[in-house]
Amino acid sequence: MLKTFRDRAMAMFAALFVFAFASPAAMAAIDTTATVGELNDVKTAVSAVGIAVLSIAVGIMLYKWVKRAL
């Protein structure tokens, strides 16, 4: 915790230093089009696997429910 004035002043100076002298390259925009394209390509496959897993889980639950009812 910043308890003293000196600690707060040092923290403010450090934050100001970082913001003032940060490299412009670090602030450059990142091209994410390739990543987004890959994620869109695998969306259907991931959805199919998720639906299959959920279907199996629901099937097991229904089987147990029917078995308990008999």
PDB file of N, CA and C in Angstrom:
ATOM      1  N   MET A   1       0.840  -1.175   0.000  1.00  0.00           N
ATOM      2  CA  MET A   1       0.000   0.000   0.000  1.00  0.00           C
ATOM      3  C   MET A   1       0.887   1.241   0.000  1.00  0.00           C
ATOM      4  N   LEU A   2       0.436   2.249  -0.631  1.00  0.00           N
ATOM      5  CA  LEU A   2       1.196   3.492  -0.683  1.00  0.00           C
ATOM      6  C   LEU A   2       0.813   4.337   0.530  1.00  0.00           C
ATOM      7  N   LYS A   3       1.642   4.257   1.588  1.00  0.00           N
ATOM      8  CA  LYS A   3       1.269   4.891   2.847  1.00  0.00           C
ATOM      9  C   LYS A   3       1.829   6.300   2.983  1.00  0.00           C
ATOM     10  N   THR A   4       2.976   6.520   2.421  1.00  0.00           N
ATOM     11  CA  THR A   4       3.581   7.830   2.622  1.00  0.00           C
ATOM     12  C   THR A   4       3.502   8.650   1.348  1.00  0.00           C
ATOM     13  N   PHE A   5       3.709   9.944   1.524  1.00  0.00           N
ATOM     14  CA  PHE A   5       3.704  10.849   0.378  1.00  0.00           C
ATOM     15  C   PHE A   5       4.831  10.491  -0.586  1.00  0.00           C
ATOM     16  N   ARG A   6       5.976  10.094  -0.046  1.00  0.00           N
ATOM     17  CA  ARG A   6       7.125   9.747  -0.887  1.00  0.00           C
ATOM     18  C   ARG A   6       6.803   8.543  -1.754  1.00  0.00           C
ATOM     19  N   ASP A   7       6.143   7.535  -1.196  1.00  0.00           N
ATOM     20  CA  ASP A   7       5.769   6.351  -1.976  1.00  0.00           C
ATOM     21  C   ASP A   7       4.795   6.718  -3.093  1.00  0.00           C
ATOM     22  N   ARG A   8       3.824   7.560  -2.767  1.00  0.00           N
ATOM     23  CA  ARG A   8       2.851   7.978  -3.781  1.00  0.00           C
ATOM     24  C   ARG A   8       3.519   8.804  -4.873  1.00  0.00           C
ATOM     25  N   ALA A   9       4.436   9.678  -4.487  1.00  0.00           N
ATOM     26  CA  ALA A   9       5.131  10.510  -5.461  1.00  0.00           C
ATOM     27  C   ALA A   9       5.992   9.644  -6.376  1.00  0.00           C
ATOM     28  N   MET A  10       6.658   8.649  -5.827  1.00  0.00           N
ATOM     29  CA  MET A  10       7.486   7.751  -6.646  1.00  0.00           C
ATOM     30  C   MET A  10       6.620   6.950  -7.614  1.00  0.00           C
ATOM     31  N   ALA A  11       5.479   6.491  -7.157  1.00  0.00           N
ATOM     32  CA  ALA A  11       4.580   5.729  -8.026  1.00  0.00           C
ATOM     33  C   ALA A  11       4.052   6.615  -9.150  1.00  0.00           C
ATOM     34  N   MET A  12       3.702   7.847  -8.830  1.00  0.00           N
ATOM     35  CA  MET A  12       3.217   8.758  -9.860  1.00  0.00           C
ATOM     36  C   MET A  12       4.319   9.087 -10.858  1.00  0.00           C
ATOM     37  N   PHE A  13       5.539   9.282 -10.380  1.00  0.00           N
ATOM     38  CA  PHE A  13       6.664   9.550 -11.269  1.00  0.00           C
ATOM     39  C   PHE A  13       6.931   8.364 -12.175  1.00  0.00           C
ATOM     40  N   ALA A  14       6.882   7.150 -11.642  1.00  0.00           N
ATOM     41  CA  ALA A  14       7.112   5.948 -12.445  1.00  0.00           C
ATOM     42  C   ALA A  14       6.042   5.802 -13.519  1.00  0.00           C
ATOM     43  N   ALA A  15       4.797   6.050 -13.166  1.00  0.00           N
ATOM     44  CA  ALA A  15       3.709   5.947 -14.143  1.00  0.00           C
ATOM     45  C   ALA A  15       3.870   7.003 -15.234  1.00  0.00           C
ATOM     46  N   LEU A  16       4.214   8.217 -14.852  1.00  0.00           N
ATOM     47  CA  LEU A  16       4.428   9.284 -15.822  1.00  0.00           C
ATOM     48  C   LEU A  16       5.590   8.946 -16.746  1.00  0.00           C
ATOM     49  N   PHE A  17       6.664   8.407 -16.192  1.00  0.00           N
ATOM     50  CA  PHE A  17       7.831   8.021 -16.989  1.00  0.00           C
ATOM     51  C   PHE A  17       7.458   6.959 -18.013  1.00  0.00           C
ATOM     52  N   VAL A  18       6.698   5.962 -17.588  1.00  0.00           N
ATOM     53  CA  VAL A  18       6.302   4.887 -18.504  1.00  0.00           C
ATOM     54  C   VAL A  18       5.423   5.432 -19.621  1.00  0.00           C
ATOM     55  N   PHE A  19       4.449   6.247 -19.287  1.00  0.00           N
ATOM     56  CA  PHE A  19       3.549   6.781 -20.309  1.00  0.00           C
ATOM     57  C   PHE A  19       4.258   7.761 -21.246  1.00  0.00           C
ATOM     58  N   ALA A  20       5.215   8.515 -20.726  1.00  0.00           N
ATOM     59  CA  ALA A  20       5.878   9.529 -21.535  1.00  0.00           C
ATOM     60  C   ALA A  20       6.889   8.928 -22.498  1.00  0.00           C
ATOM     61  N   PHE A  21       7.580   7.874 -22.071  1.00  0.00           N
ATOM     62  CA  PHE A  21       8.676   7.345 -22.873  1.00  0.00           C
ATOM     63  C   PHE A  21       8.406   5.953 -23.435  1.00  0.00           C
ATOM     64  N   ALA A  22       7.150   5.541 -23.459  1.00  0.00           N
ATOM     65  CA  ALA A  22       6.823   4.227 -24.021  1.00  0.00           C
ATOM     66  C   ALA A  22       7.131   4.244 -25.514  1.00  0.00           C
ATOM     67  N   SER A  23       7.613   3.145 -25.990  1.00  0.00           N
ATOM     68  CA  SER A  23       7.998   3.042 -27.393  1.00  0.00           C
ATOM     69  C   SER A  23       6.770   3.096 -28.293  1.00  0.00           C
ATOM     70  N   PRO A  24       6.805   3.874 -29.361  1.00  0.00           N
ATOM     71  CA  PRO A  24       5.670   3.902 -30.297  1.00  0.00           C
ATOM     72  C   PRO A  24       5.414   2.541 -30.941  1.00  0.00           C
ATOM     73  N   ALA A  25       6.460   1.738 -31.070  1.00  0.00           N
ATOM     74  CA  ALA A  25       6.268   0.408 -31.650  1.00  0.00           C
ATOM     75  C   ALA A  25       5.399  -0.458 -30.743  1.00  0.00           C
ATOM     76  N   ALA A  26       5.491  -0.245 -29.451  1.00  0.00           N
ATOM     77  CA  ALA A  26       4.669  -1.010 -28.522  1.00  0.00           C
ATOM     78  C   ALA A  26       3.209  -0.608 -28.623  1.00  0.00           C
ATOM     79  N   MET A  27       2.957   0.592 -29.092  1.00  0.00           N
ATOM     80  CA  MET A  27       1.593   1.092 -29.204  1.00  0.00           C
ATOM     81  C   MET A  27       0.992   0.852 -30.598  1.00  0.00           C
ATOM     82  N   ALA A  28       1.758   0.237 -31.482  1.00  0.00           N
ATOM     83  CA  ALA A  28       1.290   0.038 -32.853  1.00  0.00           C
ATOM     84  C   ALA A  28       0.138  -0.960 -32.885  1.00  0.00           C
ATOM     85  N   ALA A  29      -0.718  -0.804 -33.875  1.00  0.00           N
ATOM     86  CA  ALA A  29      -1.856  -1.707 -34.032  1.00  0.00           C
ATOM     87  C   ALA A  29      -1.368  -3.076 -34.497  1.00  0.00           C
ATOM     88  N   ILE A  30      -1.981  -4.119 -34.005  1.00  0.00           N
ATOM     89  CA  ILE A  30      -1.611  -5.483 -34.352  1.00  0.00           C
ATOM     90  C   ILE A  30      -2.613  -5.996 -35.376  1.00  0.00           C
ATOM     91  N   ASP A  31      -2.098  -6.586 -36.443  1.00  0.00           N
ATOM     92  CA  ASP A  31      -2.958  -7.122 -37.498  1.00  0.00           C
ATOM     93  C   ASP A  31      -3.486  -8.485 -37.056  1.00  0.00           C
ATOM     94  N   THR A  32      -4.785  -8.568 -36.824  1.00  0.00           N
ATOM     95  CA  THR A  32      -5.392  -9.803 -36.333  1.00  0.00           C
ATOM     96  C   THR A  32      -6.252 -10.498 -37.380  1.00  0.00           C
ATOM     97  N   THR A  33      -6.168 -10.075 -38.626  1.00  0.00           N
ATOM     98  CA  THR A  33      -7.057 -10.645 -39.641  1.00  0.00           C
ATOM     99  C   THR A  33      -6.801 -12.126 -39.864  1.00  0.00           C
ATOM    100  N   ALA A  34      -5.541 -12.559 -39.828  1.00  0.00           N
ATOM    101  CA  ALA A  34      -5.240 -13.976 -40.037  1.00  0.00           C
ATOM    102  C   ALA A  34      -5.792 -14.822 -38.892  1.00  0.00           C
ATOM    103  N   THR A  35      -5.636 -14.346 -37.681  1.00  0.00           N
ATOM    104  CA  THR A  35      -6.131 -15.084 -36.522  1.00  0.00           C
ATOM    105  C   THR A  35      -7.649 -15.181 -36.544  1.00  0.00           C
ATOM    106  N   VAL A  36      -8.305 -14.088 -36.844  1.00  0.00           N
ATOM    107  CA  VAL A  36      -9.770 -14.086 -36.905  1.00  0.00           C
ATOM    108  C   VAL A  36     -10.245 -15.011 -38.020  1.00  0.00           C
ATOM    109  N   GLY A  37      -9.553 -15.016 -39.138  1.00  0.00           N
ATOM    110  CA  GLY A  37      -9.920 -15.906 -40.238  1.00  0.00           C
ATOM    111  C   GLY A  37      -9.804 -17.372 -39.860  1.00  0.00           C
ATOM    112  N   GLU A  38      -8.723 -17.722 -39.165  1.00  0.00           N
ATOM    113  CA  GLU A  38      -8.550 -19.109 -38.716  1.00  0.00           C
ATOM    114  C   GLU A  38      -9.647 -19.504 -37.733  1.00  0.00           C
ATOM    115  N   LEU A  39      -9.977 -18.611 -36.820  1.00  0.00           N
ATOM    116  CA  LEU A  39     -11.027 -18.923 -35.849  1.00  0.00           C
ATOM    117  C   LEU A  39     -12.375 -19.104 -36.536  1.00  0.00           C
ATOM    118  N   ASN A  40     -12.651 -18.312 -37.538  1.00  0.00           N
ATOM    119  CA  ASN A  40     -13.904 -18.462 -38.275  1.00  0.00           C
ATOM    120  C   ASN A  40     -13.926 -19.768 -39.072  1.00  0.00           C
ATOM    121  N   ASP A  41     -12.759 -20.208 -39.550  1.00  0.00           N
ATOM    122  CA  ASP A  41     -12.697 -21.455 -40.313  1.00  0.00           C
ATOM    123  C   ASP A  41     -13.000 -22.679 -39.451  1.00  0.00           C
ATOM    124  N   VAL A  42     -12.561 -22.679 -38.204  1.00  0.00           N
ATOM    125  CA  VAL A  42     -12.748 -23.851 -37.348  1.00  0.00           C
ATOM    126  C   VAL A  42     -14.009 -23.769 -36.500  1.00  0.00           C
ATOM    127  N   LYS A  43     -14.778 -22.709 -36.668  1.00  0.00           N
ATOM    128  CA  LYS A  43     -15.975 -22.520 -35.844  1.00  0.00           C
ATOM    129  C   LYS A  43     -16.967 -23.668 -36.000  1.00  0.00           C
ATOM    130  N   THR A  44     -17.204 -24.132 -37.221  1.00  0.00           N
ATOM    131  CA  THR A  44     -18.188 -25.195 -37.433  1.00  0.00           C
ATOM    132  C   THR A  44     -17.721 -26.512 -36.842  1.00  0.00           C
ATOM    133  N   ALA A  45     -16.430 -26.804 -36.954  1.00  0.00           N
ATOM    134  CA  ALA A  45     -15.912 -28.052 -36.398  1.00  0.00           C
ATOM    135  C   ALA A  45     -16.006 -28.051 -34.872  1.00  0.00           C
ATOM    136  N   VAL A  46     -15.659 -26.953 -34.271  1.00  0.00           N
ATOM    137  CA  VAL A  46     -15.733 -26.855 -32.806  1.00  0.00           C
ATOM    138  C   VAL A  46     -17.178 -26.947 -32.345  1.00  0.00           C
ATOM    139  N   SER A  47     -18.078 -26.328 -33.076  1.00  0.00           N
ATOM    140  CA  SER A  47     -19.494 -26.406 -32.720  1.00  0.00           C
ATOM    141  C   SER A  47     -20.008 -27.836 -32.817  1.00  0.00           C
ATOM    142  N   ALA A  48     -19.590 -28.555 -33.851  1.00  0.00           N
ATOM    143  CA  ALA A  48     -20.032 -29.940 -34.016  1.00  0.00           C
ATOM    144  C   ALA A  48     -19.531 -30.818 -32.878  1.00  0.00           C
ATOM    145  N   VAL A  49     -18.289 -30.644 -32.488  1.00  0.00           N
ATOM    146  CA  VAL A  49     -17.745 -31.436 -31.378  1.00  0.00           C
ATOM    147  C   VAL A  49     -18.466 -31.093 -30.079  1.00  0.00           C
ATOM    148  N   GLY A  50     -18.724 -29.819 -29.850  1.00  0.00           N
ATOM    149  CA  GLY A  50     -19.433 -29.419 -28.628  1.00  0.00           C
ATOM    150  C   GLY A  50     -20.834 -29.986 -28.565  1.00  0.00           C
ATOM    151  N   ILE A  51     -21.535 -29.961 -29.689  1.00  0.00           N
ATOM    152  CA  ILE A  51     -22.889 -30.522 -29.728  1.00  0.00           C
ATOM    153  C   ILE A  51     -22.851 -32.026 -29.493  1.00  0.00           C
ATOM    154  N   ALA A  52     -21.846 -32.707 -30.046  1.00  0.00           N
ATOM    155  CA  ALA A  52     -21.735 -34.151 -29.845  1.00  0.00           C
ATOM    156  C   ALA A  52     -21.488 -34.480 -28.370  1.00  0.00           C
ATOM    157  N   VAL A  53     -20.608 -33.739 -27.730  1.00  0.00           N
ATOM    158  CA  VAL A  53     -20.316 -33.989 -26.313  1.00  0.00           C
ATOM    159  C   VAL A  53     -21.555 -33.729 -25.461  1.00  0.00           C
ATOM    160  N   LEU A  54     -22.250 -32.640 -25.718  1.00  0.00           N
ATOM    161  CA  LEU A  54     -23.462 -32.350 -24.960  1.00  0.00           C
ATOM    162  C   LEU A  54     -24.545 -33.400 -25.206  1.00  0.00           C
ATOM    163  N   SER A  55     -24.651 -33.884 -26.430  1.00  0.00           N
ATOM    164  CA  SER A  55     -25.644 -34.916 -26.741  1.00  0.00           C
ATOM    165  C   SER A  55     -25.355 -36.205 -25.979  1.00  0.00           C
ATOM    166  N   ILE A  56     -24.089 -36.568 -25.905  1.00  0.00           N
ATOM    167  CA  ILE A  56     -23.726 -37.775 -25.154  1.00  0.00           C
ATOM    168  C   ILE A  56     -24.047 -37.597 -23.674  1.00  0.00           C
ATOM    169  N   ALA A  57     -23.719 -36.440 -23.126  1.00  0.00           N
ATOM    170  CA  ALA A  57     -24.000 -36.192 -21.709  1.00  0.00           C
ATOM    171  C   ALA A  57     -25.498 -36.232 -21.430  1.00  0.00           C
ATOM    172  N   VAL A  58     -26.289 -35.624 -22.291  1.00  0.00           N
ATOM    173  CA  VAL A  58     -27.744 -35.638 -22.109  1.00  0.00           C
ATOM    174  C   VAL A  58     -28.287 -37.045 -22.282  1.00  0.00           C
ATOM    175  N   GLY A  59     -27.751 -37.802 -23.229  1.00  0.00           N
ATOM    176  CA  GLY A  59     -28.171 -39.189 -23.422  1.00  0.00           C
ATOM    177  C   GLY A  59     -27.904 -40.048 -22.192  1.00  0.00           C
ATOM    178  N   ILE A  60     -26.760 -39.882 -21.582  1.00  0.00           N
ATOM    179  CA  ILE A  60     -26.436 -40.635 -20.364  1.00  0.00           C
ATOM    180  C   ILE A  60     -27.382 -40.240 -19.238  1.00  0.00           C
ATOM    181  N   MET A  61     -27.647 -38.961 -19.099  1.00  0.00           N
ATOM    182  CA  MET A  61     -28.564 -38.516 -18.050  1.00  0.00           C
ATOM    183  C   MET A  61     -29.974 -39.059 -18.279  1.00  0.00           C
ATOM    184  N   LEU A  62     -30.428 -39.051 -19.526  1.00  0.00           N
ATOM    185  CA  LEU A  62     -31.758 -39.596 -19.824  1.00  0.00           C
ATOM    186  C   LEU A  62     -31.817 -41.093 -19.560  1.00  0.00           C
ATOM    187  N   TYR A  63     -30.746 -41.807 -19.924  1.00  0.00           N
ATOM    188  CA  TYR A  63     -30.703 -43.250 -19.671  1.00  0.00           C
ATOM    189  C   TYR A  63     -30.814 -43.539 -18.175  1.00  0.00           C
ATOM    190  N   LYS A  64     -30.062 -42.791 -17.357  1.00  0.00           N
ATOM    191  CA  LYS A  64     -30.122 -42.995 -15.908  1.00  0.00           C
ATOM    192  C   LYS A  64     -31.515 -42.656 -15.369  1.00  0.00           C
ATOM    193  N   TRP A  65     -32.138 -41.600 -15.917  1.00  0.00           N
ATOM    194  CA  TRP A  65     -33.459 -41.186 -15.461  1.00  0.00           C
ATOM    195  C   TRP A  65     -34.492 -42.251 -15.779  1.00  0.00           C
ATOM    196  N   VAL A  66     -34.445 -42.782 -16.998  1.00  0.00           N
ATOM    197  CA  VAL A  66     -35.408 -43.824 -17.395  1.00  0.00           C
ATOM    198  C   VAL A  66     -35.144 -45.104 -16.602  1.00  0.00           C
ATOM    199  N   LYS A  67     -33.887 -45.450 -16.402  1.00  0.00           N
ATOM    200  CA  LYS A  67     -33.541 -46.678 -15.651  1.00  0.00           C
ATOM    201  C   LYS A  67     -34.035 -46.557 -14.205  1.00  0.00           C
ATOM    202  N   ARG A  68     -33.924 -45.394 -13.610  1.00  0.00           N
ATOM    203  CA  ARG A  68     -34.383 -45.208 -12.234  1.00  0.00           C
ATOM    204  C   ARG A  68     -35.914 -45.260 -12.159  1.00  0.00           C
ATOM    205  N   ALA A  69     -36.600 -44.792 -13.204  1.00  0.00           N
ATOM    206  CA  ALA A  69     -38.059 -44.787 -13.209  1.00  0.00           C
ATOM    207  C   ALA A  69     -38.631 -46.200 -13.346  1.00  0.00           C
ATOM    208  N   LEU A  70     -37.885 -47.109 -13.976  1.00  0.00           N
ATOM    209  CA  LEU A  70     -38.395 -48.467 -14.155  1.00  0.00           C
ATOM    210  C   LEU A  70     -38.130 -49.270 -12.952  1.00  0.00           C
TER     211      LEU A  70
END
